[in-house]
Amino acid sequence: KDLAMNQLSFDRYLVDLEARKQALLDNTAITEQERDALLAQYELERELKAQEKAELDEEIRLEKREERIEKELEELDEEEAIKAELLEQQILTGIDTEAAYLQAKLDLQNKFAQDKLNVLITNGQAETLEAQKLKTQILAIEKEKADITISEERRIKEFREQMGQEGFAAAQGFLRGALNLMDEEAKGR
């Protein structure tokens, strides 16, 4: 658009210059030497205007290119922000899912231990060694459930702090670390 306006302005200038040049040629009151000097001046003026137009065209092209690059960079920034948000949600969901799985597994273990203990209590064996082991197991399960909750909260807090400080690259690093930690915890159980 700007290039077209520049071209239109240049074309109008050339038409005006050509009209002045023709008026000069039609003027019989000037000498041939004056006419040649004025024609040379018109030619120089046309060349300078053409050079000025070329410089302006180049400036317009550079501005358009910079605008296009700026727009592309903004789009990339937006895309990175969206990907970072999606990654953050995936990581948080993964942390929640892992914790929910471990909690459910421990709840099931707790229920079985509690059921066994209830059978022993019902049969009058509440003070046997096996009943004491079940009570200790139930307490250990409750402690492990509390530890998982604390660990999940700590991991989420660390992740959010890391995301705030370092952004997308940190999230990828955290994800790798979280996956490694999950693998280690899964192997340990």
Protein backbone atom coordinates (compact mmCIF):
# COMPACT_ATOMS: atom_id res chain seq x y z
CA LYS A 1 0.00 0.00 0.00
CA ASP A 2 2.73 2.44 0.99
CA LEU A 3 4.81 1.38 -1.99
CA ALA A 4 1.85 2.04 -4.30
CA MET A 5 1.35 5.50 -2.78
CA ASN A 6 5.05 6.22 -3.24
CA GLN A 7 4.85 5.07 -6.88
CA LEU A 8 1.76 7.24 -7.49
CA SER A 9 3.49 10.27 -6.00
CA PHE A 10 6.56 9.62 -8.16
CA ASP A 11 4.45 9.18 -11.30
CA ARG A 12 2.64 12.47 -10.62
CA TYR A 13 5.99 14.18 -10.13
CA LEU A 14 7.24 12.81 -13.46
CA VAL A 15 4.10 14.03 -15.24
CA ASP A 16 4.59 17.51 -13.73
CA LEU A 17 8.29 17.49 -14.61
CA GLU A 18 7.52 16.38 -18.17
CA ALA A 19 4.95 19.20 -18.47
CA ARG A 20 7.51 21.77 -17.28
CA LYS A 21 10.08 20.30 -19.64
CA GLN A 22 7.66 20.52 -22.57
CA ALA A 23 6.80 24.14 -21.64
CA LEU A 24 10.52 24.86 -21.69
CA LEU A 25 10.91 23.29 -25.12
CA ASP A 26 7.92 25.30 -26.41
CA ASN A 27 9.39 28.55 -25.05
CA THR A 28 11.13 30.32 -27.92
CA ALA A 29 12.26 33.24 -25.81
CA ILE A 30 15.25 31.39 -24.34
CA THR A 31 18.54 30.66 -25.98
CA GLU A 32 19.64 27.17 -26.90
CA GLN A 33 22.34 27.25 -24.20
CA GLU A 34 19.76 28.22 -21.52
CA ARG A 35 17.43 25.52 -22.83
CA ASP A 36 20.20 22.85 -22.63
CA ALA A 37 21.14 23.97 -19.11
CA LEU A 38 17.48 23.79 -17.99
CA LEU A 39 17.05 20.37 -19.65
CA ALA A 40 20.16 19.13 -17.84
CA GLN A 41 18.74 20.53 -14.59
CA TYR A 42 15.40 18.76 -15.21
CA GLU A 43 17.22 15.50 -15.92
CA LEU A 44 19.27 15.84 -12.72
CA GLU A 45 16.10 16.65 -10.78
CA ARG A 46 14.39 13.54 -12.24
CA GLU A 47 17.39 11.34 -11.31
CA LEU A 48 17.45 12.74 -7.75
CA LYS A 49 13.70 12.16 -7.40
CA ALA A 50 14.09 8.59 -8.73
CA GLN A 51 16.89 7.97 -6.22
CA GLU A 52 14.76 9.45 -3.42
CA LYS A 53 11.85 7.19 -4.46
CA ALA A 54 14.11 4.12 -4.50
CA GLU A 55 15.41 4.95 -1.00
CA LEU A 56 11.86 5.48 0.28
CA ASP A 57 10.73 2.21 -1.34
CA GLU A 58 13.59 0.38 0.39
CA GLU A 59 12.75 2.03 3.71
CA ILE A 60 9.11 0.97 3.34
CA ARG A 61 10.16 -2.60 2.47
CA LEU A 62 12.43 -2.73 5.53
CA GLU A 63 9.66 -1.41 7.79
CA LYS A 64 7.23 -4.00 6.43
CA ARG A 65 9.81 -6.73 6.93
CA GLU A 66 10.44 -5.62 10.51
CA GLU A 67 6.69 -5.55 11.17
CA ARG A 68 6.34 -9.06 9.73
CA ILE A 69 9.25 -10.32 11.85
CA GLU A 70 7.82 -8.66 14.95
CA LYS A 71 4.44 -10.27 14.30
CA GLU A 72 6.05 -13.69 13.83
CA LEU A 73 7.99 -13.27 17.09
CA GLU A 74 4.80 -12.29 18.92
CA GLU A 75 3.04 -15.35 17.50
CA LEU A 76 5.93 -17.55 18.64
CA ASP A 77 5.79 -15.99 22.12
CA GLU A 78 2.05 -16.67 22.27
CA GLU A 79 2.57 -20.23 21.06
CA GLU A 80 5.29 -20.80 23.66
CA ALA A 81 3.03 -19.44 26.40
CA ILE A 82 0.22 -21.77 25.32
CA LYS A 83 2.57 -24.75 25.20
CA ALA A 84 3.98 -23.86 28.61
CA GLU A 85 0.46 -23.64 30.04
CA LEU A 86 -0.47 -27.01 28.53
CA LEU A 87 2.74 -28.56 29.82
CA GLU A 88 2.10 -27.12 33.27
CA GLN A 89 -1.40 -28.60 33.30
CA GLN A 90 -0.07 -31.97 32.14
CA ILE A 91 2.58 -32.00 34.84
CA LEU A 92 0.13 -30.98 37.55
CA THR A 93 -2.34 -33.60 36.33
CA GLY A 94 0.45 -36.19 36.35
CA ILE A 95 1.41 -35.28 39.91
CA ASP A 96 -2.24 -35.44 41.00
CA THR A 97 -2.82 -38.73 39.17
CA GLU A 98 0.25 -40.34 40.68
CA ALA A 99 -0.70 -39.17 44.16
CA ALA A 100 -4.31 -40.33 43.71
CA TYR A 101 -3.09 -43.75 42.57
CA LEU A 102 -0.75 -44.09 45.54
CA GLN A 103 -3.46 -42.89 47.95
CA ALA A 104 -5.98 -45.38 46.51
CA LYS A 105 -3.45 -48.20 46.75
CA LEU A 106 -2.72 -47.30 50.38
CA ASP A 107 -6.45 -46.97 51.15
CA LEU A 108 -6.94 -50.50 49.83
CA GLN A 109 -4.02 -51.82 51.89
CA ASN A 110 -5.40 -49.98 54.93
CA LYS A 111 -8.88 -51.47 54.41
CA PHE A 112 -7.51 -55.02 54.15
CA ALA A 113 -5.35 -54.56 57.26
CA GLN A 114 -8.32 -53.02 59.12
CA ASP A 115 -10.60 -55.90 58.05
CA LYS A 116 -8.03 -58.48 59.24
CA LEU A 117 -7.67 -56.62 62.53
CA ASN A 118 -11.47 -56.53 62.98
CA VAL A 119 -11.65 -60.31 62.44
CA LEU A 120 -8.96 -60.80 65.10
CA ILE A 121 -10.73 -58.42 67.53
CA THR A 122 -14.08 -60.16 66.93
CA ASN A 123 -12.47 -63.51 67.75
CA GLY A 124 -10.90 -62.17 70.93
CA GLN A 125 -7.35 -61.97 69.60
CA ALA A 126 -6.91 -58.16 69.85
CA GLU A 127 -3.69 -58.48 71.83
CA THR A 128 -1.91 -61.12 69.76
CA LEU A 129 1.34 -60.51 67.95
CA GLU A 130 -0.47 -60.63 64.62
CA ALA A 131 -2.96 -57.96 65.78
CA GLN A 132 -0.08 -55.74 66.95
CA LYS A 133 1.61 -56.14 63.55
CA LEU A 134 -1.64 -55.11 61.82
CA LYS A 135 -1.98 -52.05 64.07
CA THR A 136 1.62 -51.07 63.28
CA GLN A 137 0.96 -51.64 59.58
CA ILE A 138 -2.17 -49.43 59.70
CA LEU A 139 -0.20 -46.63 61.39
CA ALA A 140 2.59 -46.96 58.79
CA ILE A 141 0.03 -46.76 55.98
CA GLU A 142 -1.52 -43.61 57.50
CA LYS A 143 1.95 -42.06 57.81
CA GLU A 144 2.79 -42.94 54.21
CA LYS A 145 -0.51 -41.39 53.04
CA ALA A 146 0.34 -38.18 54.90
CA ASP A 147 3.86 -38.23 53.44
CA ILE A 148 2.43 -38.59 49.92
CA THR A 149 0.12 -35.62 50.46
CA ILE A 150 3.00 -33.50 51.74
CA SER A 151 5.27 -34.66 48.89
CA GLU A 152 2.59 -33.85 46.29
CA GLU A 153 2.08 -30.35 47.71
CA ARG A 154 5.85 -29.78 47.81
CA ARG A 155 6.31 -30.97 44.21
CA ILE A 156 3.48 -28.75 42.98
CA LYS A 157 4.91 -25.77 44.87
CA GLU A 158 8.43 -26.41 43.51
CA PHE A 159 7.06 -26.82 40.00
CA ARG A 160 5.11 -23.56 40.15
CA GLU A 161 8.12 -21.70 41.56
CA GLN A 162 10.35 -23.11 38.86
CA MET A 163 7.81 -22.18 36.16
CA GLY A 164 7.64 -18.65 37.52
CA GLN A 165 11.41 -18.27 37.60
CA GLU A 166 12.55 -20.04 34.50
CA GLY A 167 9.53 -20.65 32.29
CA PHE A 168 9.08 -23.28 29.62
CA ALA A 169 12.58 -24.78 29.66
CA ALA A 170 12.37 -25.25 33.42
CA ALA A 171 9.02 -26.99 33.06
CA GLN A 172 10.52 -29.47 30.63
CA GLY A 173 13.39 -30.12 33.06
CA PHE A 174 10.96 -30.51 35.93
CA LEU A 175 8.86 -32.93 33.89
CA ARG A 176 11.92 -35.06 33.18
CA GLY A 177 12.84 -35.00 36.86
CA ALA A 178 9.28 -35.79 37.96
CA LEU A 179 9.08 -38.71 35.54
CA ASN A 180 12.42 -40.05 36.78
CA LEU A 181 11.26 -39.67 40.39
CA MET A 182 7.99 -41.47 39.59
CA ASP A 183 9.94 -44.28 37.95
CA GLU A 184 12.22 -44.58 40.98
CA GLU A 185 9.26 -44.56 43.38
CA ALA A 186 7.43 -47.16 41.29
CA LYS A 187 10.50 -49.41 41.24
CA GLY A 188 10.89 -49.01 44.99
CA ARG A 189 7.38 -50.32 45.70
